[in-house]
Amino acid sequence: QLATPSATLRQRGWEAQMLANTAWAFAMLHVIDGPLFDAISSASISRIPNFRPQHLANTAWAFATLCVLDAPLLDSIASAAVK
């Protein structure tokens, strides 16, 4: 039985760079996986304080490139970017 994306992200303790890089890679390939991006968003919001500026930029770029509107994530990124 395959694990859901959110379960996989929780189990493996993904860090900020892994989340940002995964979102970036899918965007580079123009692959939209709704459940994966929902899981990346949920995991990222709780880890935003650990994101470096590059992680913030890559994550925002990936969601924007794929036209995935996630207001809570983008609000979190915006707040972290101005600190």
Protein backbone atom coordinates (compact mmCIF):
# COMPACT_ATOMS: atom_id res chain seq x y z
CA GLN A 1 0.00 0.00 0.00
CA LEU A 2 1.38 3.38 -1.01
CA ALA A 3 1.68 6.13 1.56
CA THR A 4 -0.06 9.44 0.95
CA PRO A 5 2.20 12.42 0.19
CA SER A 6 1.37 14.07 3.52
CA ALA A 7 2.16 10.89 5.46
CA THR A 8 5.46 10.54 3.62
CA LEU A 9 6.46 14.14 4.38
CA ARG A 10 5.62 13.70 8.07
CA GLN A 11 7.33 10.32 8.42
CA ARG A 12 10.56 11.36 6.83
CA GLY A 13 10.84 14.68 8.64
CA TRP A 14 11.43 16.71 5.51
CA GLU A 15 13.37 19.90 6.06
CA ALA A 16 12.88 23.28 4.41
CA GLN A 17 15.35 22.66 1.58
CA MET A 18 13.81 19.30 0.71
CA LEU A 19 10.32 20.79 0.56
CA ALA A 20 11.42 23.75 -1.55
CA ASN A 21 13.48 21.59 -3.90
CA THR A 22 10.63 19.13 -4.43
CA ALA A 23 8.17 21.90 -5.26
CA TRP A 24 10.76 23.51 -7.56
CA ALA A 25 11.49 20.23 -9.37
CA PHE A 26 7.82 19.52 -10.07
CA ALA A 27 7.35 23.08 -11.33
CA MET A 28 10.38 22.79 -13.61
CA LEU A 29 8.77 19.70 -15.14
CA HIS A 30 5.34 21.38 -15.25
CA VAL A 31 3.85 18.52 -13.24
CA ILE A 32 0.91 19.38 -11.00
CA ASP A 33 0.20 16.86 -8.26
CA GLY A 34 -2.52 18.34 -6.08
CA PRO A 35 -2.11 16.02 -3.09
CA LEU A 36 1.66 16.46 -3.14
CA PHE A 37 1.43 20.25 -3.29
CA ASP A 38 -1.15 20.22 -0.48
CA ALA A 39 1.28 18.16 1.60
CA ILE A 40 4.20 20.44 0.74
CA SER A 41 2.11 23.44 1.72
CA SER A 42 1.07 21.97 5.07
CA ALA A 43 4.58 20.87 5.91
CA SER A 44 6.10 24.16 4.75
CA ILE A 45 3.79 26.41 6.75
CA SER A 46 4.86 24.78 9.99
CA ARG A 47 8.53 25.05 9.00
CA ILE A 48 8.53 28.57 7.50
CA PRO A 49 10.69 29.96 10.34
CA ASN A 50 13.41 27.53 9.20
CA PHE A 51 13.26 28.55 5.55
CA ARG A 52 16.15 30.55 4.16
CA PRO A 53 15.40 33.25 1.57
CA GLN A 54 16.22 30.82 -1.27
CA HIS A 55 13.74 28.27 0.09
CA LEU A 56 11.04 30.95 0.32
CA ALA A 57 11.72 32.09 -3.23
CA ASN A 58 11.81 28.59 -4.71
CA THR A 59 8.59 27.56 -3.00
CA ALA A 60 6.73 30.71 -4.01
CA TRP A 61 8.04 30.41 -7.56
CA ALA A 62 6.99 26.76 -7.84
CA PHE A 63 3.44 27.38 -6.66
CA ALA A 64 3.11 30.45 -8.90
CA THR A 65 4.57 28.71 -11.94
CA LEU A 66 2.02 25.91 -11.65
CA CYS A 67 -0.80 28.36 -10.82
CA VAL A 68 -1.40 26.59 -7.51
CA LEU A 69 -3.11 29.19 -5.36
CA ASP A 70 -2.48 28.47 -1.71
CA ALA A 71 -3.21 31.64 0.22
CA PRO A 72 -2.11 30.38 3.68
CA LEU A 73 1.26 29.28 2.30
CA LEU A 74 1.81 32.46 0.31
CA ASP A 75 0.83 34.58 3.33
CA SER A 76 3.35 32.67 5.45
CA ILE A 77 6.06 33.14 2.83
CA ALA A 78 5.29 36.86 2.54
CA SER A 79 5.44 37.33 6.30
CA ALA A 80 8.73 35.47 6.57
CA ALA A 81 10.23 37.38 3.64
CA VAL A 82 9.83 40.76 5.32
CA LYS A 83 11.44 39.71 8.61
